[in-house]
PDB file of N, CA and C in Angstrom:
ATOM      1  N   MET A   1       0.956  -1.315   0.056  1.00  0.00           N
ATOM      2  CA  MET A   1      -0.029  -0.046   0.082  1.00  0.00           C
ATOM      3  C   MET A   1       1.248   1.294   0.284  1.00  0.00           C
ATOM      4  N   THR A   2       0.554   2.164  -0.895  1.00  0.00           N
ATOM      5  CA  THR A   2       1.202   3.266  -0.748  1.00  0.00           C
ATOM      6  C   THR A   2       0.267   4.184  -0.155  1.00  0.00           C
ATOM      7  N   LEU A   3       1.320   5.476   0.190  1.00  0.00           N
ATOM      8  CA  LEU A   3       0.956   6.605   0.860  1.00  0.00           C
ATOM      9  C   LEU A   3      -0.485   7.592   0.270  1.00  0.00           C
ATOM     10  N   SER A   4      -0.017   7.385  -0.826  1.00  0.00           N
ATOM     11  CA  SER A   4      -1.698   8.124  -1.600  1.00  0.00           C
ATOM     12  C   SER A   4      -3.040   6.759  -1.243  1.00  0.00           C
ATOM     13  N   GLN A   5      -2.945   5.714  -1.538  1.00  0.00           N
ATOM     14  CA  GLN A   5      -3.688   4.927  -0.965  1.00  0.00           C
ATOM     15  C   GLN A   5      -4.059   4.364   0.099  1.00  0.00           C
ATOM     16  N   ALA A   6      -3.388   4.717   1.073  1.00  0.00           N
ATOM     17  CA  ALA A   6      -3.596   4.942   2.583  1.00  0.00           C
ATOM     18  C   ALA A   6      -4.303   5.719   3.369  1.00  0.00           C
ATOM     19  N   ARG A   7      -3.662   6.811   2.499  1.00  0.00           N
ATOM     20  CA  ARG A   7      -4.842   8.207   2.659  1.00  0.00           C
ATOM     21  C   ARG A   7      -5.894   8.623   2.170  1.00  0.00           C
ATOM     22  N   GLU A   8      -6.231   7.656   0.804  1.00  0.00           N
ATOM     23  CA  GLU A   8      -7.965   7.520   0.219  1.00  0.00           C
ATOM     24  C   GLU A   8      -8.282   6.657   0.898  1.00  0.00           C
ATOM     25  N   ARG A   9      -7.814   5.567   1.363  1.00  0.00           N
ATOM     26  CA  ARG A   9      -8.503   4.205   2.153  1.00  0.00           C
ATOM     27  C   ARG A   9      -9.158   4.729   4.067  1.00  0.00           C
ATOM     28  N   PHE A  10      -8.221   5.775   4.211  1.00  0.00           N
ATOM     29  CA  PHE A  10      -8.458   5.776   5.682  1.00  0.00           C
ATOM     30  C   PHE A  10      -8.014   7.633   6.250  1.00  0.00           C
ATOM     31  N   PRO A  11      -8.793   8.257   5.638  1.00  0.00           N
ATOM     32  CA  PRO A  11      -8.931   9.997   5.552  1.00  0.00           C
ATOM     33  C   PRO A  11      -8.617  10.120   6.690  1.00  0.00           C
ATOM     34  N   LEU A  12      -9.250   9.907   7.997  1.00  0.00           N
ATOM     35  CA  LEU A  12      -9.212  10.401   9.365  1.00  0.00           C
ATOM     36  C   LEU A  12      -8.077  10.073  10.367  1.00  0.00           C
ATOM     37  N   VAL A  13      -7.487   9.618   9.216  1.00  0.00           N
ATOM     38  CA  VAL A  13      -6.125   9.193  10.329  1.00  0.00           C
ATOM     39  C   VAL A  13      -5.143  10.345   9.426  1.00  0.00           C
ATOM     40  N   PRO A  14      -4.626  11.264  10.250  1.00  0.00           N
ATOM     41  CA  PRO A  14      -3.732  12.054  10.313  1.00  0.00           C
ATOM     42  C   PRO A  14      -2.001  11.282   9.466  1.00  0.00           C
ATOM     43  N   VAL A  15      -1.980  12.566   8.089  1.00  0.00           N
ATOM     44  CA  VAL A  15      -1.011  12.075   7.342  1.00  0.00           C
ATOM     45  C   VAL A  15       0.368  11.145   7.940  1.00  0.00           C
ATOM     46  N   GLU A  16       0.590  11.936   9.182  1.00  0.00           N
ATOM     47  CA  GLU A  16       2.588  11.858   9.901  1.00  0.00           C
ATOM     48  C   GLU A  16       1.677   9.838  10.286  1.00  0.00           C
ATOM     49  N   ILE A  17       1.048   9.917  10.936  1.00  0.00           N
ATOM     50  CA  ILE A  17       0.549   8.540  11.347  1.00  0.00           C
ATOM     51  C   ILE A  17       0.719   7.538  10.482  1.00  0.00           C
ATOM     52  N   VAL A  18      -0.022   8.008   9.575  1.00  0.00           N
ATOM     53  CA  VAL A  18      -0.238   6.686   7.853  1.00  0.00           C
ATOM     54  C   VAL A  18       1.978   6.550   7.453  1.00  0.00           C
ATOM     55  N   LYS A  19       1.938   7.904   7.238  1.00  0.00           N
ATOM     56  CA  LYS A  19       3.912   7.888   7.035  1.00  0.00           C
ATOM     57  C   LYS A  19       4.174   6.890   7.825  1.00  0.00           C
ATOM     58  N   TRP A  20       4.235   7.079   9.064  1.00  0.00           N
ATOM     59  CA  TRP A  20       4.778   6.102  10.336  1.00  0.00           C
ATOM     60  C   TRP A  20       4.467   5.182  10.157  1.00  0.00           C
ATOM     61  N   ALA A  21       3.577   4.647   9.859  1.00  0.00           N
ATOM     62  CA  ALA A  21       3.144   2.954   9.842  1.00  0.00           C
ATOM     63  C   ALA A  21       3.554   2.389   8.603  1.00  0.00           C
ATOM     64  N   LEU A  22       3.783   3.443   7.425  1.00  0.00           N
ATOM     65  CA  LEU A  22       4.084   2.531   6.124  1.00  0.00           C
ATOM     66  C   LEU A  22       5.633   2.021   6.343  1.00  0.00           C
ATOM     67  N   GLU A  23       6.088   3.285   6.755  1.00  0.00           N
ATOM     68  CA  GLU A  23       7.693   3.297   6.655  1.00  0.00           C
ATOM     69  C   GLU A  23       7.850   2.215   8.082  1.00  0.00           C
ATOM     70  N   ASN A  24       7.023   1.721   9.490  1.00  0.00           N
ATOM     71  CA  ASN A  24       8.107   1.069  10.360  1.00  0.00           C
ATOM     72  C   ASN A  24       7.248  -0.428  10.608  1.00  0.00           C
ATOM     73  N   ILE A  25       5.939  -0.195   9.864  1.00  0.00           N
ATOM     74  CA  ILE A  25       5.774  -1.516   9.967  1.00  0.00           C
ATOM     75  C   ILE A  25       5.568  -2.426   8.854  1.00  0.00           C
ATOM     76  N   PRO A  26       6.651  -3.689   8.997  1.00  0.00           N
ATOM     77  CA  PRO A  26       6.924  -4.671   7.842  1.00  0.00           C
ATOM     78  C   PRO A  26       5.574  -4.860   7.171  1.00  0.00           C
ATOM     79  N   ASP A  27       5.002  -5.542   7.607  1.00  0.00           N
ATOM     80  CA  ASP A  27       3.532  -6.356   7.566  1.00  0.00           C
ATOM     81  C   ASP A  27       2.891  -5.755   7.267  1.00  0.00           C
ATOM     82  N   PRO A  28       1.954  -5.618   6.066  1.00  0.00           N
ATOM     83  CA  PRO A  28       1.099  -4.863   4.773  1.00  0.00           C
ATOM     84  C   PRO A  28      -0.076  -5.306   5.936  1.00  0.00           C
ATOM     85  N   ARG A  29      -0.620  -6.248   6.666  1.00  0.00           N
ATOM     86  CA  ARG A  29      -1.388  -6.677   7.038  1.00  0.00           C
ATOM     87  C   ARG A  29      -2.174  -5.850   8.182  1.00  0.00           C
ATOM     88  N   ASP A  30      -0.609  -5.780   9.305  1.00  0.00           N
ATOM     89  CA  ASP A  30      -0.834  -5.279  10.509  1.00  0.00           C
ATOM     90  C   ASP A  30      -0.906  -3.725  10.149  1.00  0.00           C
ATOM     91  N   VAL A  31      -0.981  -3.085   9.236  1.00  0.00           N
ATOM     92  CA  VAL A  31      -0.766  -1.664   8.649  1.00  0.00           C
ATOM     93  C   VAL A  31      -1.814  -1.333   8.941  1.00  0.00           C
ATOM     94  N   GLU A  32      -2.395  -2.144   7.826  1.00  0.00           N
ATOM     95  CA  GLU A  32      -3.847  -2.266   7.448  1.00  0.00           C
ATOM     96  C   GLU A  32      -4.924  -2.605   8.800  1.00  0.00           C
ATOM     97  N   ARG A  33      -4.466  -3.478   9.521  1.00  0.00           N
ATOM     98  CA  ARG A  33      -5.509  -3.687  10.715  1.00  0.00           C
ATOM     99  C   ARG A  33      -4.947  -2.517  11.705  1.00  0.00           C
ATOM    100  N   GLY A  34      -3.862  -1.860  11.885  1.00  0.00           N
ATOM    101  CA  GLY A  34      -4.000  -0.506  12.636  1.00  0.00           C
ATOM    102  C   GLY A  34      -4.620   0.901  12.084  1.00  0.00           C
ATOM    103  N   LEU A  35      -4.411   0.602  10.918  1.00  0.00           N
ATOM    104  CA  LEU A  35      -5.470   2.315  10.316  1.00  0.00           C
ATOM    105  C   LEU A  35      -6.379   2.231  10.281  1.00  0.00           C
ATOM    106  N   LEU A  36      -6.560   0.534  10.089  1.00  0.00           N
ATOM    107  CA  LEU A  36      -8.236   0.546  10.258  1.00  0.00           C
ATOM    108  C   LEU A  36      -8.835   0.916  11.498  1.00  0.00           C
ATOM    109  N   ARG A  37      -8.481   0.569  13.017  1.00  0.00           N
ATOM    110  CA  ARG A  37      -8.295   1.031  14.155  1.00  0.00           C
ATOM    111  C   ARG A  37      -8.206   2.293  14.215  1.00  0.00           C
ATOM    112  N   LEU A  38      -7.574   2.770  14.158  1.00  0.00           N
ATOM    113  CA  LEU A  38      -7.303   4.054  14.466  1.00  0.00           C
ATOM    114  C   LEU A  38      -8.647   4.834  13.289  1.00  0.00           C
ATOM    115  N   GLU A  39      -8.978   3.972  12.200  1.00  0.00           N
ATOM    116  CA  GLU A  39      -9.967   4.833  11.192  1.00  0.00           C
ATOM    117  C   GLU A  39     -11.165   4.904  11.782  1.00  0.00           C
ATOM    118  N   ARG A  40     -11.509   4.011  12.607  1.00  0.00           N
ATOM    119  CA  ARG A  40     -13.149   3.702  13.473  1.00  0.00           C
ATOM    120  C   ARG A  40     -13.108   4.399  15.055  1.00  0.00           C
ATOM    121  N   SER A  41     -11.812   4.615  15.455  1.00  0.00           N
ATOM    122  CA  SER A  41     -12.131   5.333  16.984  1.00  0.00           C
ATOM    123  C   SER A  41     -12.188   6.584  16.030  1.00  0.00           C
ATOM    124  N   ARG A  42     -11.934   7.751  15.420  1.00  0.00           N
ATOM    125  CA  ARG A  42     -11.979   8.802  14.929  1.00  0.00           C
ATOM    126  C   ARG A  42     -12.902   8.795  14.515  1.00  0.00           C
ATOM    127  N   GLN A  43     -13.807   8.056  13.840  1.00  0.00           N
ATOM    128  CA  GLN A  43     -15.522   7.705  13.258  1.00  0.00           C
ATOM    129  C   GLN A  43     -15.971   8.089  14.280  1.00  0.00           C
ATOM    130  N   ILE A  44     -16.041   6.968  15.608  1.00  0.00           N
ATOM    131  CA  ILE A  44     -16.676   6.944  16.662  1.00  0.00           C
ATOM    132  C   ILE A  44     -16.742   8.307  17.577  1.00  0.00           C
ATOM    133  N   GLU A  45     -14.794   8.965  17.359  1.00  0.00           N
ATOM    134  CA  GLU A  45     -15.006  10.303  17.946  1.00  0.00           C
ATOM    135  C   GLU A  45     -15.990  11.326  17.724  1.00  0.00           C
ATOM    136  N   ILE A  46     -15.489  11.699  16.565  1.00  0.00           N
ATOM    137  CA  ILE A  46     -16.380  12.557  15.565  1.00  0.00           C
ATOM    138  C   ILE A  46     -18.154  12.375  16.048  1.00  0.00           C
ATOM    139  N   ARG A  47     -18.636  11.044  15.737  1.00  0.00           N
ATOM    140  CA  ARG A  47     -20.119  10.751  16.043  1.00  0.00           C
ATOM    141  C   ARG A  47     -20.714  11.134  17.474  1.00  0.00           C
ATOM    142  N   TYR A  48     -19.736  10.968  18.448  1.00  0.00           N
ATOM    143  CA  TYR A  48     -20.194  11.409  19.872  1.00  0.00           C
ATOM    144  C   TYR A  48     -19.706  12.601  20.203  1.00  0.00           C
ATOM    145  N   SER A  49     -18.970  13.873  19.837  1.00  0.00           N
ATOM    146  CA  SER A  49     -18.650  14.497  20.266  1.00  0.00           C
ATOM    147  C   SER A  49     -19.698  15.955  20.452  1.00  0.00           C
ATOM    148  N   ALA A  50     -20.794  15.464  19.243  1.00  0.00           N
ATOM    149  CA  ALA A  50     -21.691  16.295  18.741  1.00  0.00           C
ATOM    150  C   ALA A  50     -22.599  16.712  19.938  1.00  0.00           C
TER     151      ALA A  50
END
């Protein structure tokens, strides 16, 4: 997964975190799992902060 693909798939995750994950986590499945969890937590945060 490239940075642009990850940004498109996980728009709520900050760019710095996506970039760090892609550079430092060797297993693509782990990267995807972590970014997905962050994306979902941001969705929940936005939903209940109103």
